[in-house]
Amino acid sequence: MGTNLATLLYNVLIAFRWIGLIILTIASMAILISESAKAKLSPGKVLAVAGSAIVAAVVFWVLPSLVNYARVDATTLVPGQPIGGYR
């Protein structure tokens, strides 16, 4: 990280990721509690809610990096300066 802006953006990204993970955890706990209040909570439902919460957390954590990689690699697929040039 060379500049102060890059450091600031990186810190914002990390804070955004952690806040998102906390919100996802709270939401999955709320869903689990509401499902258990409705009826008997089967092990299948517990595993389904826990599994979907884990998948959502992993996707939430990895998605900014994937978008950044796609943005960086986009110039290799579609060059910024075409061969014929802009008219």
C-alpha atoms as a PDB file:
ATOM      1  CA  MET A   1       0.000   0.000   0.000  1.00  0.00           C
ATOM      2  CA  GLY A   2       1.788   3.050  -1.232  1.00  0.00           C
ATOM      3  CA  THR A   3      -0.547   5.928  -0.580  1.00  0.00           C
ATOM      4  CA  ASN A   4      -2.712   7.067   2.275  1.00  0.00           C
ATOM      5  CA  LEU A   5      -5.789   6.689   0.060  1.00  0.00           C
ATOM      6  CA  ALA A   6      -4.986   3.040  -0.636  1.00  0.00           C
ATOM      7  CA  THR A   7      -4.497   2.384   3.075  1.00  0.00           C
ATOM      8  CA  LEU A   8      -7.756   4.140   3.900  1.00  0.00           C
ATOM      9  CA  LEU A   9      -9.696   2.194   1.251  1.00  0.00           C
ATOM     10  CA  TYR A  10      -8.206  -1.079   2.438  1.00  0.00           C
ATOM     11  CA  ASN A  11      -9.186  -0.319   6.043  1.00  0.00           C
ATOM     12  CA  VAL A  12     -12.714   0.613   4.912  1.00  0.00           C
ATOM     13  CA  LEU A  13     -12.945  -2.679   3.001  1.00  0.00           C
ATOM     14  CA  ILE A  14     -11.871  -4.700   6.038  1.00  0.00           C
ATOM     15  CA  ALA A  15     -14.310  -2.802   8.284  1.00  0.00           C
ATOM     16  CA  PHE A  16     -17.114  -3.328   5.731  1.00  0.00           C
ATOM     17  CA  ARG A  17     -16.363  -7.051   5.631  1.00  0.00           C
ATOM     18  CA  TRP A  18     -16.406  -7.436   9.414  1.00  0.00           C
ATOM     19  CA  ILE A  19     -19.572  -5.376   9.827  1.00  0.00           C
ATOM     20  CA  GLY A  20     -21.225  -7.470   7.119  1.00  0.00           C
ATOM     21  CA  LEU A  21     -20.185 -10.705   8.805  1.00  0.00           C
ATOM     22  CA  ILE A  22     -21.600  -9.473  12.116  1.00  0.00           C
ATOM     23  CA  ILE A  23     -24.901  -8.561  10.429  1.00  0.00           C
ATOM     24  CA  LEU A  24     -25.037 -11.959   8.696  1.00  0.00           C
ATOM     25  CA  THR A  25     -24.411 -13.698  12.017  1.00  0.00           C
ATOM     26  CA  ILE A  26     -27.168 -11.733  13.742  1.00  0.00           C
ATOM     27  CA  ALA A  27     -29.574 -12.462  10.889  1.00  0.00           C
ATOM     28  CA  SER A  28     -28.811 -16.191  10.884  1.00  0.00           C
ATOM     29  CA  MET A  29     -29.255 -16.346  14.662  1.00  0.00           C
ATOM     30  CA  ALA A  30     -32.599 -14.539  14.331  1.00  0.00           C
ATOM     31  CA  ILE A  31     -33.746 -17.001  11.652  1.00  0.00           C
ATOM     32  CA  LEU A  32     -32.631 -19.932  13.777  1.00  0.00           C
ATOM     33  CA  ILE A  33     -34.471 -18.593  16.850  1.00  0.00           C
ATOM     34  CA  SER A  34     -37.638 -17.836  14.867  1.00  0.00           C
ATOM     35  CA  GLU A  35     -37.633 -21.318  13.331  1.00  0.00           C
ATOM     36  CA  SER A  36     -37.193 -22.891  16.733  1.00  0.00           C
ATOM     37  CA  ALA A  37     -40.061 -20.826  18.158  1.00  0.00           C
ATOM     38  CA  LYS A  38     -42.431 -21.926  15.357  1.00  0.00           C
ATOM     39  CA  ALA A  39     -42.046 -25.681  15.705  1.00  0.00           C
ATOM     40  CA  LYS A  40     -39.733 -28.396  16.859  1.00  0.00           C
ATOM     41  CA  LEU A  41     -36.299 -27.664  15.521  1.00  0.00           C
ATOM     42  CA  SER A  42     -34.976 -30.631  13.596  1.00  0.00           C
ATOM     43  CA  PRO A  43     -31.251 -31.196  13.053  1.00  0.00           C
ATOM     44  CA  GLY A  44     -31.827 -30.784   9.315  1.00  0.00           C
ATOM     45  CA  LYS A  45     -33.147 -27.257   9.773  1.00  0.00           C
ATOM     46  CA  VAL A  46     -30.262 -26.348  12.069  1.00  0.00           C
ATOM     47  CA  LEU A  47     -27.753 -27.625   9.516  1.00  0.00           C
ATOM     48  CA  ALA A  48     -29.570 -25.865   6.669  1.00  0.00           C
ATOM     49  CA  VAL A  49     -29.578 -22.494   8.448  1.00  0.00           C
ATOM     50  CA  ALA A  50     -25.974 -22.893   9.618  1.00  0.00           C
ATOM     51  CA  GLY A  51     -24.824 -23.993   6.158  1.00  0.00           C
ATOM     52  CA  SER A  52     -26.545 -21.138   4.392  1.00  0.00           C
ATOM     53  CA  ALA A  53     -25.094 -18.679   6.913  1.00  0.00           C
ATOM     54  CA  ILE A  54     -21.590 -20.030   6.300  1.00  0.00           C
ATOM     55  CA  VAL A  55     -22.018 -19.873   2.518  1.00  0.00           C
ATOM     56  CA  ALA A  56     -23.352 -16.303   2.766  1.00  0.00           C
ATOM     57  CA  ALA A  57     -20.407 -15.286   4.950  1.00  0.00           C
ATOM     58  CA  VAL A  58     -17.854 -16.806   2.563  1.00  0.00           C
ATOM     59  CA  VAL A  59     -19.479 -15.155  -0.460  1.00  0.00           C
ATOM     60  CA  PHE A  60     -19.675 -11.833   1.376  1.00  0.00           C
ATOM     61  CA  TRP A  61     -15.975 -12.046   2.296  1.00  0.00           C
ATOM     62  CA  VAL A  62     -14.738 -13.122  -1.160  1.00  0.00           C
ATOM     63  CA  LEU A  63     -16.988 -11.017  -3.409  1.00  0.00           C
ATOM     64  CA  PRO A  64     -15.026  -7.708  -3.196  1.00  0.00           C
ATOM     65  CA  SER A  65     -11.817  -9.516  -4.151  1.00  0.00           C
ATOM     66  CA  LEU A  66     -13.504 -11.281  -7.060  1.00  0.00           C
ATOM     67  CA  VAL A  67     -14.913  -7.992  -8.344  1.00  0.00           C
ATOM     68  CA  ASN A  68     -11.460  -6.420  -8.097  1.00  0.00           C
ATOM     69  CA  TYR A  69      -9.847  -9.328  -9.972  1.00  0.00           C
ATOM     70  CA  ALA A  70     -12.510  -9.096 -12.672  1.00  0.00           C
ATOM     71  CA  ARG A  71     -11.945  -5.357 -12.990  1.00  0.00           C
ATOM     72  CA  VAL A  72      -8.175  -5.803 -13.322  1.00  0.00           C
ATOM     73  CA  ASP A  73      -8.479  -8.685 -15.816  1.00  0.00           C
ATOM     74  CA  ALA A  74     -11.091  -6.901 -17.922  1.00  0.00           C
ATOM     75  CA  THR A  75      -8.391  -4.976 -19.783  1.00  0.00           C
ATOM     76  CA  THR A  76      -6.795  -8.233 -20.965  1.00  0.00           C
ATOM     77  CA  LEU A  77     -10.093  -9.467 -22.409  1.00  0.00           C
ATOM     78  CA  VAL A  78     -11.279  -6.142 -23.796  1.00  0.00           C
ATOM     79  CA  PRO A  79      -8.317  -3.820 -24.304  1.00  0.00           C
ATOM     80  CA  GLY A  80      -8.659  -0.210 -23.208  1.00  0.00           C
ATOM     81  CA  GLN A  81      -6.999   0.928 -26.446  1.00  0.00           C
ATOM     82  CA  PRO A  82      -8.387  -1.051 -29.394  1.00  0.00           C
ATOM     83  CA  ILE A  83      -6.080  -1.962 -32.275  1.00  0.00           C
ATOM     84  CA  GLY A  84      -7.733   0.475 -34.667  1.00  0.00           C
ATOM     85  CA  GLY A  85      -7.828   3.254 -32.045  1.00  0.00           C
ATOM     86  CA  TYR A  86     -10.691   5.554 -31.233  1.00  0.00           C
ATOM     87  CA  ARG A  87     -12.018   7.854 -33.935  1.00  0.00           C
END
